[in-house]
Amino acid sequence: GHGGYYGAQQIQGLVAHYYDFVRPGTAIELNRCIHNTMADSPRDKSGHCRNGAKDCEDCRTRNIDDIYSAHFTICQKPWICPH
C-alpha cells in the first residue's frame, strides 16, 4: 500500500495508487522544471543534486514561457517569489 509520506491521503496518494494498482507500468517521469515546478535549488548545501543525479538542471533559470504549471509550496504567493 501507500502511506507514510506527506500527501499520501490527498492527491499525491491517489495518483500513486492509480499508477501502481489501476494502470501499472504506464507512469512516466516529467521534467520537474516545467511540470509543477517549485523554482527551488536542485542542489543541497554540500552542492550535490537532490535527486541523486550527477548533473541537475537549476529550475530557477528556466524561461517562464517553457513552464506548464507551478507549485507555490516554497514561494508561497507568486507575487512574493524571488524567482
C-alpha atoms as a PDB file:
ATOM      1  CA  GLY A   1       0.000   0.000   0.000  1.00  0.00           C
ATOM      2  CA  HIS A   2       0.830   3.657   0.061  1.00  0.00           C
ATOM      3  CA  GLY A   3       1.349   5.879   3.037  1.00  0.00           C
ATOM      4  CA  GLY A   4       3.881   7.284   5.400  1.00  0.00           C
ATOM      5  CA  TYR A   5       4.574  10.432   3.422  1.00  0.00           C
ATOM      6  CA  TYR A   6       3.067  13.908   3.220  1.00  0.00           C
ATOM      7  CA  GLY A   7       0.108  13.872   0.873  1.00  0.00           C
ATOM      8  CA  ALA A   8      -0.484  10.112   0.995  1.00  0.00           C
ATOM      9  CA  GLN A   9      -4.142  10.686   1.833  1.00  0.00           C
ATOM     10  CA  GLN A  10      -4.509  13.522  -0.692  1.00  0.00           C
ATOM     11  CA  ILE A  11      -3.984  13.804  -4.456  1.00  0.00           C
ATOM     12  CA  GLN A  12      -0.365  12.584  -4.275  1.00  0.00           C
ATOM     13  CA  GLY A  13      -1.520   9.291  -2.770  1.00  0.00           C
ATOM     14  CA  LEU A  14      -4.401   8.991  -5.215  1.00  0.00           C
ATOM     15  CA  VAL A  15      -2.081   9.408  -8.200  1.00  0.00           C
ATOM     16  CA  ALA A  16       0.460   6.957  -6.731  1.00  0.00           C
ATOM     17  CA  HIS A  17      -2.287   4.381  -6.145  1.00  0.00           C
ATOM     18  CA  TYR A  18      -3.693   4.860  -9.654  1.00  0.00           C
ATOM     19  CA  TYR A  19      -0.372   4.302 -11.429  1.00  0.00           C
ATOM     20  CA  ASP A  20       0.743   1.469  -9.124  1.00  0.00           C
ATOM     21  CA  PHE A  21      -2.508  -0.519  -8.971  1.00  0.00           C
ATOM     22  CA  VAL A  22      -5.039   0.623 -11.594  1.00  0.00           C
ATOM     23  CA  ARG A  23      -2.636   1.308 -14.508  1.00  0.00           C
ATOM     24  CA  PRO A  24       0.702  -0.300 -13.505  1.00  0.00           C
ATOM     25  CA  GLY A  25       3.657   0.250 -15.794  1.00  0.00           C
ATOM     26  CA  THR A  26       2.161   3.295 -17.536  1.00  0.00           C
ATOM     27  CA  ALA A  27       3.589   6.166 -15.450  1.00  0.00           C
ATOM     28  CA  ILE A  28       6.299   8.432 -16.843  1.00  0.00           C
ATOM     29  CA  GLU A  29       8.509  10.923 -15.028  1.00  0.00           C
ATOM     30  CA  LEU A  30       8.048  14.516 -16.186  1.00  0.00           C
ATOM     31  CA  ASN A  31      10.662  17.272 -16.122  1.00  0.00           C
ATOM     32  CA  ARG A  32      10.222  18.941 -12.713  1.00  0.00           C
ATOM     33  CA  CYS A  33      11.384  22.277 -14.118  1.00  0.00           C
ATOM     34  CA  ILE A  34       8.415  22.588 -16.485  1.00  0.00           C
ATOM     35  CA  HIS A  35       5.685  20.474 -14.841  1.00  0.00           C
ATOM     36  CA  ASN A  36       4.635  21.554 -11.327  1.00  0.00           C
ATOM     37  CA  THR A  37       7.878  23.499 -10.833  1.00  0.00           C
ATOM     38  CA  MET A  38       8.705  24.943  -7.413  1.00  0.00           C
ATOM     39  CA  ALA A  39      11.611  27.114  -8.642  1.00  0.00           C
ATOM     40  CA  ASP A  40      13.843  25.625  -5.967  1.00  0.00           C
ATOM     41  CA  SER A  41      17.555  24.901  -5.889  1.00  0.00           C
ATOM     42  CA  PRO A  42      18.355  21.476  -7.315  1.00  0.00           C
ATOM     43  CA  ARG A  43      21.367  21.101  -5.006  1.00  0.00           C
ATOM     44  CA  ASP A  44      21.709  20.581  -1.277  1.00  0.00           C
ATOM     45  CA  LYS A  45      24.050  22.618   0.960  1.00  0.00           C
ATOM     46  CA  SER A  46      27.011  20.405   0.029  1.00  0.00           C
ATOM     47  CA  GLY A  47      26.405  21.011  -3.702  1.00  0.00           C
ATOM     48  CA  HIS A  48      25.050  17.548  -4.576  1.00  0.00           C
ATOM     49  CA  CYS A  49      21.953  17.132  -6.733  1.00  0.00           C
ATOM     50  CA  ARG A  50      18.913  16.478  -4.537  1.00  0.00           C
ATOM     51  CA  ASN A  51      17.682  13.755  -6.905  1.00  0.00           C
ATOM     52  CA  GLY A  52      20.963  11.835  -6.698  1.00  0.00           C
ATOM     53  CA  ALA A  53      21.913  12.522 -10.319  1.00  0.00           C
ATOM     54  CA  LYS A  54      25.409  13.607 -11.339  1.00  0.00           C
ATOM     55  CA  ASP A  55      24.086  16.737 -13.051  1.00  0.00           C
ATOM     56  CA  CYS A  56      20.814  18.561 -12.400  1.00  0.00           C
ATOM     57  CA  GLU A  57      19.030  21.498 -14.002  1.00  0.00           C
ATOM     58  CA  ASP A  58      18.501  24.644 -11.939  1.00  0.00           C
ATOM     59  CA  CYS A  59      14.773  25.276 -12.424  1.00  0.00           C
ATOM     60  CA  ARG A  60      15.181  28.890 -11.320  1.00  0.00           C
ATOM     61  CA  THR A  61      16.864  29.672 -14.639  1.00  0.00           C
ATOM     62  CA  ARG A  62      14.124  28.115 -16.802  1.00  0.00           C
ATOM     63  CA  ASN A  63      12.333  30.552 -19.132  1.00  0.00           C
ATOM     64  CA  ILE A  64       8.810  31.126 -17.815  1.00  0.00           C
ATOM     65  CA  ASP A  65       7.374  30.565 -21.309  1.00  0.00           C
ATOM     66  CA  ASP A  66       8.563  26.910 -21.077  1.00  0.00           C
ATOM     67  CA  ILE A  67       6.689  26.191 -17.818  1.00  0.00           C
ATOM     68  CA  TYR A  68       3.316  24.388 -17.913  1.00  0.00           C
ATOM     69  CA  SER A  69       2.447  24.629 -14.205  1.00  0.00           C
ATOM     70  CA  ALA A  70       3.907  25.930 -10.944  1.00  0.00           C
ATOM     71  CA  HIS A  71       3.585  24.765  -7.340  1.00  0.00           C
ATOM     72  CA  PHE A  72       3.906  27.520  -4.750  1.00  0.00           C
ATOM     73  CA  THR A  73       4.885  25.464  -1.673  1.00  0.00           C
ATOM     74  CA  ILE A  74       8.281  27.145  -1.391  1.00  0.00           C
ATOM     75  CA  CYS A  75       7.460  30.640  -2.643  1.00  0.00           C
ATOM     76  CA  GLN A  76       4.005  30.759  -1.015  1.00  0.00           C
ATOM     77  CA  LYS A  77       2.474  33.526  -3.155  1.00  0.00           C
ATOM     78  CA  PRO A  78       3.586  34.173  -6.756  1.00  0.00           C
ATOM     79  CA  TRP A  79       3.837  37.924  -6.190  1.00  0.00           C
ATOM     80  CA  ILE A  80       6.452  37.474  -3.421  1.00  0.00           C
ATOM     81  CA  CYS A  81       8.510  34.723  -5.090  1.00  0.00           C
ATOM     82  CA  PRO A  82      12.059  35.949  -5.773  1.00  0.00           C
ATOM     83  CA  HIS A  83      12.491  33.576  -8.746  1.00  0.00           C
END
